[in-house]
Amino acid sequence: MTEPYVPAHHVPGSPTRGLLPGLVKGLATTARTLARPSHTAEYPDVQPHLPPRSRGVIALLEENCTSCMLCARECPDWCIYIDSHKETIPASTEGGRERQRNVLDRFAIDFSLCMYCGICIEVCPFDALHWSPEFEYAELDIRDLLHEKERLGQWMPTVPVPPALDPGAAEPAEIAAASRPARPARTPRPAPTTARPAGPRPASADPA
């Protein structure tokens, strides 16, 4: 039969030299903490100071969305819902062809499923999705965390301005393409001056 466990400081004759220094060290830490001023943020009366790249909520710039569905396909939680229809644009010039474009009907994000990974923002090729530091959108009902494009667009003014590029960074491709000088117009090649004979071609000699 195994004997019951008895702590070392309860065993008669055991050394207790390690107990007192540990107790004194803990009291010293408590005394140092009591002497320091508190840094309690009195939220919501005082707004917290958030880092510039805080992931609060995803904002939508509807004008940039082309309904390409990349964000919805890459989302690991399948929390993005997009509906759209095609609209025919008449030709801008005479003899031109009509074009079709996607018109966004619905763009919704279910934040009860979102894990804030940011993949949808990274894969968007037209900068339609942005991180906003806004975090005060809690709801009493979890079903109310499904926000449509109107609510997502209201968070766009809270999106911070992107930081300036480093002095040694490469120029963005869009700016480089816009500042590039236009290509010179091609000059047409002159027509050949020697005319071919109008007679029938001579029969080729049979190599056999």
C-alpha atoms as a PDB file:
ATOM      1  CA  MET A   1       0.000   0.000   0.000  1.00  0.00           C
ATOM      2  CA  THR A   2       1.444   3.347  -1.038  1.00  0.00           C
ATOM      3  CA  GLU A   3       1.851   6.034   1.548  1.00  0.00           C
ATOM      4  CA  PRO A   4      -0.067   9.320   1.140  1.00  0.00           C
ATOM      5  CA  TYR A   5       1.813  12.294  -0.264  1.00  0.00           C
ATOM      6  CA  VAL A   6       2.980  14.733   2.375  1.00  0.00           C
ATOM      7  CA  PRO A   7       4.518  18.102   1.347  1.00  0.00           C
ATOM      8  CA  ALA A   8       8.153  18.552   2.231  1.00  0.00           C
ATOM      9  CA  HIS A   9       7.518  21.460   4.587  1.00  0.00           C
ATOM     10  CA  HIS A  10       5.106  19.261   6.607  1.00  0.00           C
ATOM     11  CA  VAL A  11       7.629  16.501   7.173  1.00  0.00           C
ATOM     12  CA  PRO A  12       9.239  16.829  10.581  1.00  0.00           C
ATOM     13  CA  GLY A  13      12.880  17.747  10.340  1.00  0.00           C
ATOM     14  CA  SER A  14      12.769  18.841   6.661  1.00  0.00           C
ATOM     15  CA  PRO A  15      14.605  22.065   5.716  1.00  0.00           C
ATOM     16  CA  THR A  16      12.337  25.125   5.336  1.00  0.00           C
ATOM     17  CA  ARG A  17      15.008  27.543   4.175  1.00  0.00           C
ATOM     18  CA  GLY A  18      13.427  27.815   0.675  1.00  0.00           C
ATOM     19  CA  LEU A  19      10.003  28.821   1.964  1.00  0.00           C
ATOM     20  CA  LEU A  20      10.873  32.088   3.661  1.00  0.00           C
ATOM     21  CA  PRO A  21      12.902  33.656   0.806  1.00  0.00           C
ATOM     22  CA  GLY A  22      10.114  32.862  -1.664  1.00  0.00           C
ATOM     23  CA  LEU A  23       7.538  34.495   0.574  1.00  0.00           C
ATOM     24  CA  VAL A  24       9.683  37.591   0.998  1.00  0.00           C
ATOM     25  CA  LYS A  25      10.282  37.835  -2.752  1.00  0.00           C
ATOM     26  CA  GLY A  26       6.564  37.669  -3.476  1.00  0.00           C
ATOM     27  CA  LEU A  27       5.804  40.395  -0.930  1.00  0.00           C
ATOM     28  CA  ALA A  28       8.535  42.573  -2.448  1.00  0.00           C
ATOM     29  CA  THR A  29       6.946  42.249  -5.882  1.00  0.00           C
ATOM     30  CA  THR A  30       3.588  43.223  -4.429  1.00  0.00           C
ATOM     31  CA  ALA A  31       5.122  46.265  -2.708  1.00  0.00           C
ATOM     32  CA  ARG A  32       6.763  47.449  -5.931  1.00  0.00           C
ATOM     33  CA  THR A  33       3.471  47.123  -7.810  1.00  0.00           C
ATOM     34  CA  LEU A  34       1.609  49.124  -5.182  1.00  0.00           C
ATOM     35  CA  ALA A  35       4.038  52.019  -5.564  1.00  0.00           C
ATOM     36  CA  ARG A  36       3.538  52.287  -9.332  1.00  0.00           C
ATOM     37  CA  PRO A  37       0.755  54.399 -10.868  1.00  0.00           C
ATOM     38  CA  SER A  38      -2.069  52.457 -12.508  1.00  0.00           C
ATOM     39  CA  HIS A  39      -2.597  52.519 -16.281  1.00  0.00           C
ATOM     40  CA  THR A  40      -6.243  51.512 -16.371  1.00  0.00           C
ATOM     41  CA  ALA A  41      -8.026  52.716 -19.531  1.00  0.00           C
ATOM     42  CA  GLU A  42     -11.455  53.952 -18.538  1.00  0.00           C
ATOM     43  CA  TYR A  43     -13.243  52.547 -21.563  1.00  0.00           C
ATOM     44  CA  PRO A  44     -15.748  53.578 -22.953  1.00  0.00           C
ATOM     45  CA  ASP A  45     -15.246  57.069 -21.512  1.00  0.00           C
ATOM     46  CA  VAL A  46     -11.662  57.061 -22.811  1.00  0.00           C
ATOM     47  CA  GLN A  47     -11.031  55.484 -26.204  1.00  0.00           C
ATOM     48  CA  PRO A  48      -8.073  53.073 -26.328  1.00  0.00           C
ATOM     49  CA  HIS A  49      -4.990  53.910 -28.355  1.00  0.00           C
ATOM     50  CA  LEU A  50      -4.871  51.247 -31.066  1.00  0.00           C
ATOM     51  CA  PRO A  51      -1.884  50.353 -33.249  1.00  0.00           C
ATOM     52  CA  PRO A  52      -2.053  51.739 -36.812  1.00  0.00           C
ATOM     53  CA  ARG A  53      -2.526  48.266 -38.342  1.00  0.00           C
ATOM     54  CA  SER A  54      -5.248  47.051 -36.000  1.00  0.00           C
ATOM     55  CA  ARG A  55      -7.636  44.465 -37.426  1.00  0.00           C
ATOM     56  CA  GLY A  56     -10.981  45.720 -36.215  1.00  0.00           C
ATOM     57  CA  VAL A  57     -13.452  45.244 -39.041  1.00  0.00           C
ATOM     58  CA  ILE A  58     -13.388  44.839 -42.839  1.00  0.00           C
ATOM     59  CA  ALA A  59     -14.608  47.871 -44.786  1.00  0.00           C
ATOM     60  CA  LEU A  60     -15.877  47.762 -48.380  1.00  0.00           C
ATOM     61  CA  LEU A  61     -15.289  50.308 -51.143  1.00  0.00           C
ATOM     62  CA  GLU A  62     -18.186  49.364 -53.379  1.00  0.00           C
ATOM     63  CA  GLU A  63     -16.993  51.382 -56.388  1.00  0.00           C
ATOM     64  CA  ASN A  64     -13.879  49.204 -56.693  1.00  0.00           C
ATOM     65  CA  CYS A  65     -15.634  45.846 -56.447  1.00  0.00           C
ATOM     66  CA  THR A  66     -16.014  44.009 -59.773  1.00  0.00           C
ATOM     67  CA  SER A  67     -17.720  40.879 -58.355  1.00  0.00           C
ATOM     68  CA  CYS A  68     -14.759  38.733 -59.356  1.00  0.00           C
ATOM     69  CA  MET A  69     -15.523  36.409 -56.392  1.00  0.00           C
ATOM     70  CA  LEU A  70     -11.854  35.991 -55.476  1.00  0.00           C
ATOM     71  CA  CYS A  71     -12.430  36.980 -51.859  1.00  0.00           C
ATOM     72  CA  ALA A  72     -15.375  34.599 -51.480  1.00  0.00           C
ATOM     73  CA  ARG A  73     -13.456  31.690 -53.025  1.00  0.00           C
ATOM     74  CA  GLU A  74     -10.331  32.216 -50.924  1.00  0.00           C
ATOM     75  CA  CYS A  75     -12.161  32.751 -47.621  1.00  0.00           C
ATOM     76  CA  PRO A  76     -11.402  29.714 -45.400  1.00  0.00           C
ATOM     77  CA  ASP A  77     -14.599  30.265 -43.378  1.00  0.00           C
ATOM     78  CA  TRP A  78     -16.957  30.903 -46.322  1.00  0.00           C
ATOM     79  CA  CYS A  79     -18.348  33.946 -44.550  1.00  0.00           C
ATOM     80  CA  ILE A  80     -18.527  36.243 -47.622  1.00  0.00           C
ATOM     81  CA  TYR A  81     -21.698  36.299 -49.725  1.00  0.00           C
ATOM     82  CA  ILE A  82     -21.772  38.029 -53.126  1.00  0.00           C
ATOM     83  CA  ASP A  83     -24.626  38.413 -55.617  1.00  0.00           C
ATOM     84  CA  SER A  84     -24.346  40.272 -58.915  1.00  0.00           C
ATOM     85  CA  HIS A  85     -25.833  40.539 -62.376  1.00  0.00           C
ATOM     86  CA  LYS A  86     -24.498  41.498 -65.793  1.00  0.00           C
ATOM     87  CA  GLU A  87     -25.316  44.813 -67.399  1.00  0.00           C
ATOM     88  CA  THR A  88     -24.854  45.633 -71.078  1.00  0.00           C
ATOM     89  CA  ILE A  89     -22.989  48.830 -71.881  1.00  0.00           C
ATOM     90  CA  PRO A  90     -23.699  50.266 -75.332  1.00  0.00           C
ATOM     91  CA  ALA A  91     -20.842  50.941 -77.701  1.00  0.00           C
ATOM     92  CA  SER A  92     -19.181  54.296 -77.177  1.00  0.00           C
ATOM     93  CA  THR A  93     -18.240  54.706 -80.853  1.00  0.00           C
ATOM     94  CA  GLU A  94     -20.084  53.990 -84.055  1.00  0.00           C
ATOM     95  CA  GLY A  95     -19.472  50.458 -85.218  1.00  0.00           C
ATOM     96  CA  GLY A  96     -18.097  49.416 -81.836  1.00  0.00           C
ATOM     97  CA  ARG A  97     -19.131  46.400 -79.852  1.00  0.00           C
ATOM     98  CA  GLU A  98     -21.295  46.364 -76.760  1.00  0.00           C
ATOM     99  CA  ARG A  99     -19.656  45.403 -73.497  1.00  0.00           C
ATOM    100  CA  GLN A 100     -20.897  43.694 -70.365  1.00  0.00           C
ATOM    101  CA  ARG A 101     -19.942  44.440 -66.777  1.00  0.00           C
ATOM    102  CA  ASN A 102     -20.824  42.951 -63.422  1.00  0.00           C
ATOM    103  CA  VAL A 103     -23.074  45.020 -61.168  1.00  0.00           C
ATOM    104  CA  LEU A 104     -22.815  44.289 -57.449  1.00  0.00           C
ATOM    105  CA  ASP A 105     -26.184  43.471 -55.897  1.00  0.00           C
ATOM    106  CA  ARG A 106     -25.119  42.098 -52.531  1.00  0.00           C
ATOM    107  CA  PHE A 107     -21.871  41.950 -50.579  1.00  0.00           C
ATOM    108  CA  ALA A 108     -22.195  40.641 -47.027  1.00  0.00           C
ATOM    109  CA  ILE A 109     -19.729  39.385 -44.408  1.00  0.00           C
ATOM    110  CA  ASP A 110     -20.799  37.222 -41.488  1.00  0.00           C
ATOM    111  CA  PHE A 111     -18.495  38.366 -38.680  1.00  0.00           C
ATOM    112  CA  SER A 112     -19.752  35.584 -36.420  1.00  0.00           C
ATOM    113  CA  LEU A 113     -17.784  33.210 -38.693  1.00  0.00           C
ATOM    114  CA  CYS A 114     -14.921  35.495 -39.731  1.00  0.00           C
ATOM    115  CA  MET A 115     -11.566  34.731 -38.100  1.00  0.00           C
ATOM    116  CA  TYR A 116      -9.948  38.003 -39.269  1.00  0.00           C
ATOM    117  CA  CYS A 117      -7.174  36.324 -41.234  1.00  0.00           C
ATOM    118  CA  GLY A 118      -7.139  39.087 -43.873  1.00  0.00           C
ATOM    119  CA  ILE A 119      -6.885  36.742 -46.868  1.00  0.00           C
ATOM    120  CA  CYS A 120      -9.825  38.455 -48.603  1.00  0.00           C
ATOM    121  CA  ILE A 121      -8.074  41.832 -48.337  1.00  0.00           C
ATOM    122  CA  GLU A 122      -4.803  40.458 -49.680  1.00  0.00           C
ATOM    123  CA  VAL A 123      -6.275  38.679 -52.712  1.00  0.00           C
ATOM    124  CA  CYS A 124      -8.546  41.554 -53.815  1.00  0.00           C
ATOM    125  CA  PRO A 125      -6.972  42.836 -57.065  1.00  0.00           C
ATOM    126  CA  PHE A 126      -8.852  46.163 -57.031  1.00  0.00           C
ATOM    127  CA  ASP A 127      -8.410  47.334 -53.392  1.00  0.00           C
ATOM    128  CA  ALA A 128     -12.106  47.042 -52.579  1.00  0.00           C
ATOM    129  CA  LEU A 129     -11.554  45.647 -49.065  1.00  0.00           C
ATOM    130  CA  HIS A 130      -9.620  47.417 -46.311  1.00  0.00           C
ATOM    131  CA  TRP A 131      -8.865  46.969 -42.626  1.00  0.00           C
ATOM    132  CA  SER A 132     -10.537  49.441 -40.296  1.00  0.00           C
ATOM    133  CA  PRO A 133      -9.569  49.801 -36.610  1.00  0.00           C
ATOM    134  CA  GLU A 134     -13.268  50.153 -35.692  1.00  0.00           C
ATOM    135  CA  PHE A 135     -14.200  47.468 -33.176  1.00  0.00           C
ATOM    136  CA  GLU A 136     -17.442  48.675 -31.608  1.00  0.00           C
ATOM    137  CA  TYR A 137     -19.939  46.600 -33.560  1.00  0.00           C
ATOM    138  CA  ALA A 138     -21.014  44.039 -30.984  1.00  0.00           C
ATOM    139  CA  GLU A 139     -24.596  42.803 -31.181  1.00  0.00           C
ATOM    140  CA  LEU A 140     -26.957  41.160 -28.704  1.00  0.00           C
ATOM    141  CA  ASP A 141     -28.002  38.580 -31.294  1.00  0.00           C
ATOM    142  CA  ILE A 142     -25.340  36.643 -33.166  1.00  0.00           C
ATOM    143  CA  ARG A 143     -27.478  36.733 -36.306  1.00  0.00           C
ATOM    144  CA  ASP A 144     -27.091  40.515 -36.423  1.00  0.00           C
ATOM    145  CA  LEU A 145     -23.354  40.138 -37.106  1.00  0.00           C
ATOM    146  CA  LEU A 146     -24.165  39.500 -40.778  1.00  0.00           C
ATOM    147  CA  HIS A 147     -23.455  42.953 -42.228  1.00  0.00           C
ATOM    148  CA  GLU A 148     -24.441  43.972 -45.752  1.00  0.00           C
ATOM    149  CA  LYS A 149     -22.564  46.264 -48.137  1.00  0.00           C
ATOM    150  CA  GLU A 150     -24.288  49.400 -46.798  1.00  0.00           C
ATOM    151  CA  ARG A 151     -22.896  48.804 -43.318  1.00  0.00           C
ATOM    152  CA  LEU A 152     -19.500  47.756 -44.656  1.00  0.00           C
ATOM    153  CA  GLY A 153     -19.311  50.972 -46.671  1.00  0.00           C
ATOM    154  CA  GLN A 154     -19.979  53.084 -43.584  1.00  0.00           C
ATOM    155  CA  TRP A 155     -16.636  51.949 -42.135  1.00  0.00           C
ATOM    156  CA  MET A 156     -14.582  53.249 -45.070  1.00  0.00           C
ATOM    157  CA  PRO A 157     -14.046  56.753 -43.523  1.00  0.00           C
ATOM    158  CA  THR A 158     -12.401  55.051 -40.534  1.00  0.00           C
ATOM    159  CA  VAL A 159      -9.764  53.317 -42.682  1.00  0.00           C
ATOM    160  CA  PRO A 160      -6.377  54.926 -41.897  1.00  0.00           C
ATOM    161  CA  VAL A 161      -4.261  56.441 -44.628  1.00  0.00           C
ATOM    162  CA  PRO A 162      -1.535  54.005 -45.707  1.00  0.00           C
ATOM    163  CA  PRO A 163       1.946  54.968 -44.518  1.00  0.00           C
ATOM    164  CA  ALA A 164       4.393  56.583 -46.900  1.00  0.00           C
ATOM    165  CA  LEU A 165       6.865  54.400 -48.734  1.00  0.00           C
ATOM    166  CA  ASP A 166      10.441  54.105 -47.562  1.00  0.00           C
ATOM    167  CA  PRO A 167      12.896  56.473 -49.285  1.00  0.00           C
ATOM    168  CA  GLY A 168      14.674  53.557 -50.942  1.00  0.00           C
ATOM    169  CA  ALA A 169      11.528  51.670 -51.972  1.00  0.00           C
ATOM    170  CA  ALA A 170      10.721  51.022 -55.608  1.00  0.00           C
ATOM    171  CA  GLU A 171       8.141  53.205 -57.277  1.00  0.00           C
ATOM    172  CA  PRO A 172       4.678  51.582 -57.521  1.00  0.00           C
ATOM    173  CA  ALA A 173       3.917  50.052 -60.894  1.00  0.00           C
ATOM    174  CA  GLU A 174       0.818  52.219 -61.373  1.00  0.00           C
ATOM    175  CA  ILE A 175       2.751  55.475 -60.883  1.00  0.00           C
ATOM    176  CA  ALA A 176       5.650  54.272 -63.009  1.00  0.00           C
ATOM    177  CA  ALA A 177       3.297  53.391 -65.867  1.00  0.00           C
ATOM    178  CA  ALA A 178       1.539  56.769 -65.672  1.00  0.00           C
ATOM    179  CA  SER A 179       4.792  58.755 -65.683  1.00  0.00           C
ATOM    180  CA  ARG A 180       6.323  56.772 -68.519  1.00  0.00           C
ATOM    181  CA  PRO A 181       6.543  58.773 -71.767  1.00  0.00           C
ATOM    182  CA  ALA A 182       4.275  57.720 -74.593  1.00  0.00           C
ATOM    183  CA  ARG A 183       5.690  55.562 -77.336  1.00  0.00           C
ATOM    184  CA  PRO A 184       6.415  57.345 -80.600  1.00  0.00           C
ATOM    185  CA  ALA A 185       4.057  56.635 -83.458  1.00  0.00           C
ATOM    186  CA  ARG A 186       5.257  54.065 -85.945  1.00  0.00           C
ATOM    187  CA  THR A 187       6.079  55.376 -89.379  1.00  0.00           C
ATOM    188  CA  PRO A 188       4.556  53.319 -92.197  1.00  0.00           C
ATOM    189  CA  ARG A 189       6.986  51.395 -94.340  1.00  0.00           C
ATOM    190  CA  PRO A 190       7.409  52.710 -97.886  1.00  0.00           C
ATOM    191  CA  ALA A 191       5.823  50.648-100.626  1.00  0.00           C
ATOM    192  CA  PRO A 192       8.244  48.625-102.805  1.00  0.00           C
ATOM    193  CA  THR A 193       9.194  50.442-106.030  1.00  0.00           C
ATOM    194  CA  THR A 194      10.009  47.391-108.163  1.00  0.00           C
ATOM    195  CA  ALA A 195       6.913  45.805-109.693  1.00  0.00           C
ATOM    196  CA  ARG A 196       6.703  42.111-110.328  1.00  0.00           C
ATOM    197  CA  PRO A 197       6.249  40.927-113.942  1.00  0.00           C
ATOM    198  CA  ALA A 198       2.627  40.382-114.869  1.00  0.00           C
ATOM    199  CA  GLY A 199       3.343  37.292-117.010  1.00  0.00           C
ATOM    200  CA  PRO A 200       2.868  33.696-115.885  1.00  0.00           C
ATOM    201  CA  ARG A 201       5.469  32.232-113.618  1.00  0.00           C
ATOM    202  CA  PRO A 202       8.030  29.989-115.289  1.00  0.00           C
ATOM    203  CA  ALA A 203       7.555  26.286-114.608  1.00  0.00           C
ATOM    204  CA  SER A 204      10.008  24.948-112.098  1.00  0.00           C
ATOM    205  CA  ALA A 205      12.478  22.421-113.388  1.00  0.00           C
ATOM    206  CA  ASP A 206      11.799  18.862-112.381  1.00  0.00           C
ATOM    207  CA  PRO A 207      14.710  17.739-110.163  1.00  0.00           C
ATOM    208  CA  ALA A 208      14.192  14.174-111.402  1.00  0.00           C
END
